[in-house]
Amino acid sequence: MTMTSPPLPNTETPLLRQLLDEIRANPTVASAVRRELAVTDDDLLTCEQMAPRFGKSSKTIERWCRAGRIPTARKIGRSWMMPPDATVEPLQPVSLGDPAAPGRRGGRRPLASDDAGRSALAQLGRPARTQSAKAA
């Protein structure tokens, strides 16, 4: 079965022409493209409809959409819409660094006798601890 379709305007781009030739030559690719293009706004679900599927609140689903964690979600008007088979991308691990680093809450601030510490604190505009303050 050959796929006949009206010519598209401005198909002079070589990549576009190559893609169209591939779609026309391969029935499997053609049916996959038809399925992908057949998704209409009626087939998409709102955050409220997807919340029970993910076991989360609709507000959480909205936050995930804004953060890009649901790649197939798109904003239509004021609502986020996504296909029923939408998946959530896992969170990327965040490195909090060394908790004992200077300037971190609960970390050790350098002594005034430490040259590197003095210059680092001077850049931050913080006073350095002195030996007498350390003993107290």
N, C-alpha and C. Protein backbone atom coordinates (compact mmCIF):
# COMPACT_ATOMS: atom_id res chain seq x y z
N MET A 1 0.84 -1.16 0.00
CA MET A 1 0.00 0.00 0.00
C MET A 1 0.90 1.23 0.00
N THR A 2 0.72 2.07 -0.96
CA THR A 2 1.52 3.29 -1.03
C THR A 2 0.74 4.43 -0.42
N MET A 3 1.50 5.26 0.23
CA MET A 3 0.88 6.41 0.89
C MET A 3 0.92 7.59 -0.06
N THR A 4 -0.25 8.07 -0.41
CA THR A 4 -0.31 9.24 -1.27
C THR A 4 -0.82 10.40 -0.45
N SER A 5 -0.15 11.49 -0.57
CA SER A 5 -0.56 12.69 0.17
C SER A 5 -0.28 13.90 -0.69
N PRO A 6 -1.02 14.94 -0.47
CA PRO A 6 -0.77 16.14 -1.26
C PRO A 6 0.61 16.70 -0.92
N PRO A 7 1.26 17.30 -1.89
CA PRO A 7 2.58 17.86 -1.60
C PRO A 7 2.48 18.98 -0.56
N LEU A 8 3.46 18.99 0.32
CA LEU A 8 3.50 20.03 1.34
C LEU A 8 4.15 21.27 0.78
N PRO A 9 3.72 22.43 1.22
CA PRO A 9 4.38 23.65 0.75
C PRO A 9 5.79 23.75 1.33
N ASN A 10 6.67 24.32 0.55
CA ASN A 10 8.05 24.59 0.97
C ASN A 10 8.77 23.33 1.45
N THR A 11 8.81 22.30 0.60
CA THR A 11 9.54 21.07 0.95
C THR A 11 10.91 21.07 0.29
N GLU A 12 11.45 22.24 0.10
CA GLU A 12 12.76 22.36 -0.53
C GLU A 12 13.90 22.06 0.43
N THR A 13 13.64 21.99 1.73
CA THR A 13 14.67 21.68 2.70
C THR A 13 15.07 20.22 2.53
N PRO A 14 16.36 19.93 2.34
CA PRO A 14 16.78 18.55 2.11
C PRO A 14 16.40 17.60 3.25
N LEU A 15 16.53 18.04 4.47
CA LEU A 15 16.19 17.18 5.60
C LEU A 15 14.71 16.85 5.61
N LEU A 16 13.87 17.85 5.38
CA LEU A 16 12.44 17.62 5.34
C LEU A 16 12.07 16.69 4.20
N ARG A 17 12.69 16.89 3.04
CA ARG A 17 12.42 16.02 1.90
C ARG A 17 12.84 14.58 2.22
N GLN A 18 13.98 14.41 2.87
CA GLN A 18 14.46 13.08 3.23
C GLN A 18 13.49 12.41 4.22
N LEU A 19 13.02 13.17 5.19
CA LEU A 19 12.07 12.61 6.16
C LEU A 19 10.76 12.21 5.48
N LEU A 20 10.25 13.06 4.60
CA LEU A 20 9.02 12.73 3.90
C LEU A 20 9.19 11.49 3.02
N ASP A 21 10.33 11.37 2.35
CA ASP A 21 10.59 10.18 1.54
C ASP A 21 10.64 8.93 2.41
N GLU A 22 11.28 9.03 3.57
CA GLU A 22 11.37 7.90 4.49
C GLU A 22 9.98 7.49 4.99
N ILE A 23 9.16 8.48 5.30
CA ILE A 23 7.81 8.18 5.79
C ILE A 23 6.99 7.51 4.69
N ARG A 24 7.10 8.02 3.49
CA ARG A 24 6.33 7.44 2.37
C ARG A 24 6.80 6.04 2.02
N ALA A 25 8.09 5.76 2.17
CA ALA A 25 8.64 4.46 1.78
C ALA A 25 8.42 3.37 2.83
N ASN A 26 8.27 3.74 4.07
CA ASN A 26 8.19 2.75 5.14
C ASN A 26 6.81 2.81 5.81
N PRO A 27 5.98 1.78 5.59
CA PRO A 27 4.62 1.81 6.16
C PRO A 27 4.61 1.81 7.70
N THR A 28 5.61 1.18 8.32
CA THR A 28 5.66 1.16 9.78
C THR A 28 5.90 2.56 10.31
N VAL A 29 6.82 3.26 9.70
CA VAL A 29 7.10 4.64 10.12
C VAL A 29 5.89 5.51 9.85
N ALA A 30 5.24 5.30 8.71
CA ALA A 30 4.07 6.10 8.37
C ALA A 30 2.96 5.92 9.39
N SER A 31 2.72 4.69 9.84
CA SER A 31 1.65 4.48 10.82
C SER A 31 2.03 5.06 12.17
N ALA A 32 3.32 4.98 12.53
CA ALA A 32 3.77 5.57 13.80
C ALA A 32 3.61 7.08 13.77
N VAL A 33 3.94 7.70 12.64
CA VAL A 33 3.79 9.15 12.52
C VAL A 33 2.31 9.53 12.59
N ARG A 34 1.45 8.75 11.93
CA ARG A 34 0.02 9.02 11.99
C ARG A 34 -0.49 8.94 13.43
N ARG A 35 -0.02 7.91 14.17
CA ARG A 35 -0.46 7.77 15.57
C ARG A 35 -0.01 8.97 16.40
N GLU A 36 1.24 9.41 16.20
CA GLU A 36 1.76 10.55 16.97
C GLU A 36 1.01 11.83 16.64
N LEU A 37 0.70 12.01 15.36
CA LEU A 37 0.02 13.23 14.95
C LEU A 37 -1.46 13.19 15.25
N ALA A 38 -1.99 12.01 15.56
CA ALA A 38 -3.42 11.88 15.81
C ALA A 38 -3.81 12.35 17.20
N VAL A 39 -2.85 12.65 18.07
CA VAL A 39 -3.18 13.12 19.41
C VAL A 39 -3.79 14.51 19.28
N THR A 40 -5.00 14.63 19.76
CA THR A 40 -5.69 15.91 19.72
C THR A 40 -5.85 16.42 21.15
N ASP A 41 -6.34 17.62 21.27
CA ASP A 41 -6.56 18.18 22.60
C ASP A 41 -7.58 17.36 23.38
N ASP A 42 -8.48 16.67 22.67
CA ASP A 42 -9.48 15.84 23.35
C ASP A 42 -8.84 14.61 23.99
N ASP A 43 -7.68 14.17 23.47
CA ASP A 43 -6.99 12.99 24.00
C ASP A 43 -6.11 13.33 25.20
N LEU A 44 -5.90 14.60 25.47
CA LEU A 44 -5.01 15.01 26.55
C LEU A 44 -5.78 15.11 27.87
N LEU A 45 -5.07 14.89 28.97
CA LEU A 45 -5.68 14.93 30.29
C LEU A 45 -5.12 16.10 31.10
N THR A 46 -5.93 16.61 32.01
CA THR A 46 -5.50 17.71 32.87
C THR A 46 -4.73 17.16 34.07
N CYS A 47 -4.16 18.07 34.84
CA CYS A 47 -3.44 17.68 36.06
C CYS A 47 -4.39 16.99 37.04
N GLU A 48 -5.63 17.48 37.13
CA GLU A 48 -6.61 16.88 38.03
C GLU A 48 -6.91 15.45 37.62
N GLN A 49 -6.97 15.19 36.31
CA GLN A 49 -7.25 13.83 35.84
C GLN A 49 -6.05 12.91 36.00
N MET A 50 -4.84 13.48 35.93
CA MET A 50 -3.63 12.65 36.04
C MET A 50 -3.22 12.40 37.49
N ALA A 51 -3.68 13.23 38.41
CA ALA A 51 -3.27 13.10 39.81
C ALA A 51 -3.53 11.70 40.39
N PRO A 52 -4.69 11.11 40.20
CA PRO A 52 -4.90 9.76 40.74
C PRO A 52 -3.98 8.71 40.10
N ARG A 53 -3.62 8.89 38.85
CA ARG A 53 -2.72 7.93 38.18
C ARG A 53 -1.33 7.93 38.79
N PHE A 54 -0.88 9.13 39.21
CA PHE A 54 0.44 9.24 39.83
C PHE A 54 0.37 9.09 41.35
N GLY A 55 -0.84 9.13 41.91
CA GLY A 55 -0.98 9.04 43.35
C GLY A 55 -0.52 10.30 44.06
N LYS A 56 -0.62 11.43 43.41
CA LYS A 56 -0.20 12.73 43.96
C LYS A 56 -1.32 13.73 43.79
N SER A 57 -1.17 14.90 44.41
CA SER A 57 -2.18 15.94 44.25
C SER A 57 -2.01 16.63 42.90
N SER A 58 -3.06 17.31 42.47
CA SER A 58 -3.00 18.02 41.19
C SER A 58 -1.98 19.15 41.23
N LYS A 59 -1.78 19.77 42.40
CA LYS A 59 -0.79 20.83 42.53
C LYS A 59 0.63 20.28 42.33
N THR A 60 0.88 19.07 42.82
CA THR A 60 2.19 18.44 42.61
C THR A 60 2.41 18.18 41.13
N ILE A 61 1.39 17.70 40.44
CA ILE A 61 1.50 17.46 39.00
C ILE A 61 1.79 18.77 38.27
N GLU A 62 1.14 19.85 38.67
CA GLU A 62 1.40 21.17 38.06
C GLU A 62 2.84 21.59 38.29
N ARG A 63 3.35 21.40 39.52
CA ARG A 63 4.76 21.74 39.80
C ARG A 63 5.70 20.93 38.93
N TRP A 64 5.40 19.65 38.75
CA TRP A 64 6.24 18.80 37.90
C TRP A 64 6.22 19.30 36.46
N CYS A 65 5.05 19.72 35.99
CA CYS A 65 4.95 20.25 34.62
C CYS A 65 5.78 21.52 34.46
N ARG A 66 5.65 22.45 35.43
CA ARG A 66 6.42 23.69 35.36
C ARG A 66 7.92 23.42 35.40
N ALA A 67 8.33 22.41 36.17
CA ALA A 67 9.75 22.09 36.31
C ALA A 67 10.27 21.27 35.13
N GLY A 68 9.39 20.85 34.23
CA GLY A 68 9.83 20.07 33.07
C GLY A 68 10.01 18.59 33.36
N ARG A 69 9.48 18.11 34.47
CA ARG A 69 9.64 16.69 34.82
C ARG A 69 8.69 15.79 34.04
N ILE A 70 7.67 16.38 33.41
CA ILE A 70 6.77 15.62 32.53
C ILE A 70 7.00 16.18 31.13
N PRO A 71 7.91 15.56 30.36
CA PRO A 71 8.31 16.16 29.08
C PRO A 71 7.19 16.27 28.05
N THR A 72 6.18 15.42 28.12
CA THR A 72 5.11 15.47 27.12
C THR A 72 4.00 16.44 27.49
N ALA A 73 4.09 17.07 28.65
CA ALA A 73 3.06 18.03 29.07
C ALA A 73 3.23 19.34 28.31
N ARG A 74 2.12 19.94 28.00
CA ARG A 74 2.15 21.25 27.35
C ARG A 74 1.06 22.12 27.94
N LYS A 75 1.31 23.40 27.94
CA LYS A 75 0.36 24.33 28.53
C LYS A 75 -0.58 24.81 27.44
N ILE A 76 -1.85 24.62 27.67
CA ILE A 76 -2.88 25.08 26.75
C ILE A 76 -3.77 26.03 27.54
N GLY A 77 -3.67 27.31 27.21
CA GLY A 77 -4.39 28.32 27.99
C GLY A 77 -3.77 28.41 29.38
N ARG A 78 -4.58 28.18 30.40
CA ARG A 78 -4.09 28.21 31.78
C ARG A 78 -3.83 26.82 32.32
N SER A 79 -4.16 25.80 31.57
CA SER A 79 -4.07 24.42 32.07
C SER A 79 -2.90 23.68 31.46
N TRP A 80 -2.32 22.81 32.25
CA TRP A 80 -1.31 21.88 31.75
C TRP A 80 -2.04 20.64 31.26
N MET A 81 -1.70 20.21 30.04
CA MET A 81 -2.33 19.04 29.44
C MET A 81 -1.24 18.04 29.08
N MET A 82 -1.56 16.75 29.21
CA MET A 82 -0.58 15.71 28.88
C MET A 82 -1.32 14.47 28.39
N PRO A 83 -0.61 13.63 27.60
CA PRO A 83 -1.24 12.40 27.13
C PRO A 83 -1.41 11.42 28.29
N PRO A 84 -2.32 10.47 28.15
CA PRO A 84 -2.57 9.51 29.23
C PRO A 84 -1.35 8.67 29.60
N ASP A 85 -0.42 8.48 28.66
CA ASP A 85 0.76 7.64 28.94
C ASP A 85 1.97 8.47 29.37
N ALA A 86 1.74 9.68 29.88
CA ALA A 86 2.84 10.56 30.31
C ALA A 86 3.62 9.92 31.44
N THR A 87 4.92 10.17 31.43
CA THR A 87 5.80 9.66 32.49
C THR A 87 6.51 10.83 33.16
N VAL A 88 6.97 10.59 34.38
CA VAL A 88 7.66 11.62 35.16
C VAL A 88 9.14 11.32 35.16
N GLU A 89 9.94 12.33 34.83
CA GLU A 89 11.40 12.19 34.87
C GLU A 89 11.86 12.17 36.32
N PRO A 90 12.83 11.33 36.66
CA PRO A 90 13.32 11.31 38.04
C PRO A 90 14.08 12.60 38.36
N LEU A 91 14.10 12.94 39.65
CA LEU A 91 14.85 14.11 40.09
C LEU A 91 16.34 13.88 39.92
N GLN A 92 17.06 14.93 39.58
CA GLN A 92 18.51 14.85 39.49
C GLN A 92 19.08 15.05 40.89
N PRO A 93 20.09 14.26 41.26
CA PRO A 93 20.67 14.45 42.59
C PRO A 93 21.33 15.82 42.72
N VAL A 94 21.17 16.42 43.87
CA VAL A 94 21.73 17.74 44.13
C VAL A 94 22.86 17.59 45.14
N SER A 95 24.02 18.13 44.81
CA SER A 95 25.14 18.09 45.73
C SER A 95 25.09 19.30 46.63
N LEU A 96 25.07 19.06 47.92
CA LEU A 96 25.03 20.16 48.87
C LEU A 96 26.42 20.60 49.30
N GLY A 97 27.44 19.92 48.81
CA GLY A 97 28.80 20.29 49.15
C GLY A 97 29.19 19.80 50.53
N ASP A 98 30.30 20.31 51.00
CA ASP A 98 30.85 19.92 52.30
C ASP A 98 30.14 20.70 53.40
N PRO A 99 29.42 20.03 54.32
CA PRO A 99 28.70 20.77 55.35
C PRO A 99 29.62 21.49 56.32
N ALA A 100 30.89 21.10 56.40
CA ALA A 100 31.82 21.77 57.31
C ALA A 100 32.62 22.86 56.62
N ALA A 101 32.27 23.20 55.39
CA ALA A 101 33.00 24.23 54.65
C ALA A 101 32.76 25.59 55.28
N PRO A 102 33.73 26.51 55.20
CA PRO A 102 33.55 27.84 55.77
C PRO A 102 32.34 28.54 55.16
N GLY A 103 31.60 29.22 56.00
CA GLY A 103 30.44 29.96 55.52
C GLY A 103 29.16 29.14 55.53
N ARG A 104 29.25 27.84 55.75
CA ARG A 104 28.05 27.00 55.83
C ARG A 104 27.55 27.01 57.26
N ARG A 105 26.29 26.96 57.44
CA ARG A 105 25.71 26.94 58.79
C ARG A 105 26.20 25.70 59.51
N GLY A 106 26.71 25.88 60.69
CA GLY A 106 27.21 24.76 61.47
C GLY A 106 28.64 24.39 61.12
N GLY A 107 29.20 25.03 60.12
CA GLY A 107 30.58 24.72 59.72
C GLY A 107 31.57 25.56 60.51
N ARG A 108 32.82 25.22 60.42
CA ARG A 108 33.89 25.93 61.12
C ARG A 108 34.28 27.17 60.33
N ARG A 109 34.27 28.32 60.98
CA ARG A 109 34.79 29.53 60.34
C ARG A 109 36.28 29.58 60.59
N PRO A 110 37.05 30.03 59.62
CA PRO A 110 38.50 30.06 59.80
C PRO A 110 38.92 31.04 60.90
N LEU A 111 40.03 30.73 61.52
CA LEU A 111 40.60 31.63 62.52
C LEU A 111 41.24 32.82 61.84
N ALA A 112 41.38 33.95 62.61
CA ALA A 112 42.01 35.14 62.07
C ALA A 112 43.47 34.89 61.75
N SER A 113 44.08 33.89 62.39
CA SER A 113 45.49 33.61 62.14
C SER A 113 45.69 32.84 60.83
N ASP A 114 44.65 32.36 60.26
CA ASP A 114 44.71 31.61 59.02
C ASP A 114 44.62 32.60 57.86
N ASP A 115 45.71 32.75 57.08
CA ASP A 115 45.73 33.75 56.00
C ASP A 115 44.61 33.54 54.99
N ALA A 116 44.44 32.30 54.56
CA ALA A 116 43.39 32.01 53.58
C ALA A 116 42.02 32.31 54.17
N GLY A 117 41.85 31.99 55.44
CA GLY A 117 40.58 32.25 56.10
C GLY A 117 40.30 33.73 56.23
N ARG A 118 41.34 34.50 56.56
CA ARG A 118 41.17 35.95 56.69
C ARG A 118 40.73 36.56 55.37
N SER A 119 41.40 36.18 54.31
CA SER A 119 41.05 36.78 53.01
C SER A 119 39.66 36.34 52.57
N ALA A 120 39.31 35.09 52.84
CA ALA A 120 37.97 34.61 52.46
C ALA A 120 36.90 35.35 53.24
N LEU A 121 37.13 35.54 54.54
CA LEU A 121 36.15 36.26 55.34
C LEU A 121 36.09 37.73 54.99
N ALA A 122 37.23 38.31 54.62
CA ALA A 122 37.24 39.72 54.23
C ALA A 122 36.40 39.92 52.97
N GLN A 123 36.47 38.97 52.04
CA GLN A 123 35.67 39.06 50.83
C GLN A 123 34.18 38.97 51.15
N LEU A 124 33.84 38.18 52.16
CA LEU A 124 32.45 38.04 52.55
C LEU A 124 31.98 39.14 53.47
N GLY A 125 32.92 39.93 54.00
CA GLY A 125 32.57 41.00 54.91
C GLY A 125 32.25 40.51 56.30
N ARG A 126 32.81 39.36 56.69
CA ARG A 126 32.56 38.81 58.02
C ARG A 126 33.83 38.91 58.86
N PRO A 127 33.68 39.12 60.14
CA PRO A 127 34.87 39.15 61.00
C PRO A 127 35.37 37.73 61.24
N ALA A 128 36.68 37.60 61.32
CA ALA A 128 37.28 36.29 61.61
C ALA A 128 37.32 36.06 63.10
N ARG A 129 37.25 34.80 63.51
CA ARG A 129 37.40 34.48 64.94
C ARG A 129 38.85 34.63 65.32
N THR A 130 39.08 35.01 66.55
CA THR A 130 40.44 35.11 67.08
C THR A 130 40.69 33.95 68.01
N GLN A 131 41.94 33.76 68.39
CA GLN A 131 42.26 32.66 69.31
C GLN A 131 41.50 32.82 70.63
N SER A 132 41.35 34.06 71.13
CA SER A 132 40.64 34.26 72.40
C SER A 132 39.16 33.90 72.25
N ALA A 133 38.58 34.18 71.08
CA ALA A 133 37.18 33.83 70.86
C ALA A 133 37.01 32.32 70.74
N LYS A 134 38.05 31.65 70.25
CA LYS A 134 38.00 30.20 70.12
C LYS A 134 38.00 29.55 71.48
N ALA A 135 38.79 30.10 72.42
CA ALA A 135 38.91 29.51 73.75
C ALA A 135 37.63 29.72 74.56
N ALA A 136 36.88 30.75 74.25
CA ALA A 136 35.69 31.07 75.04
C ALA A 136 34.53 30.16 74.75
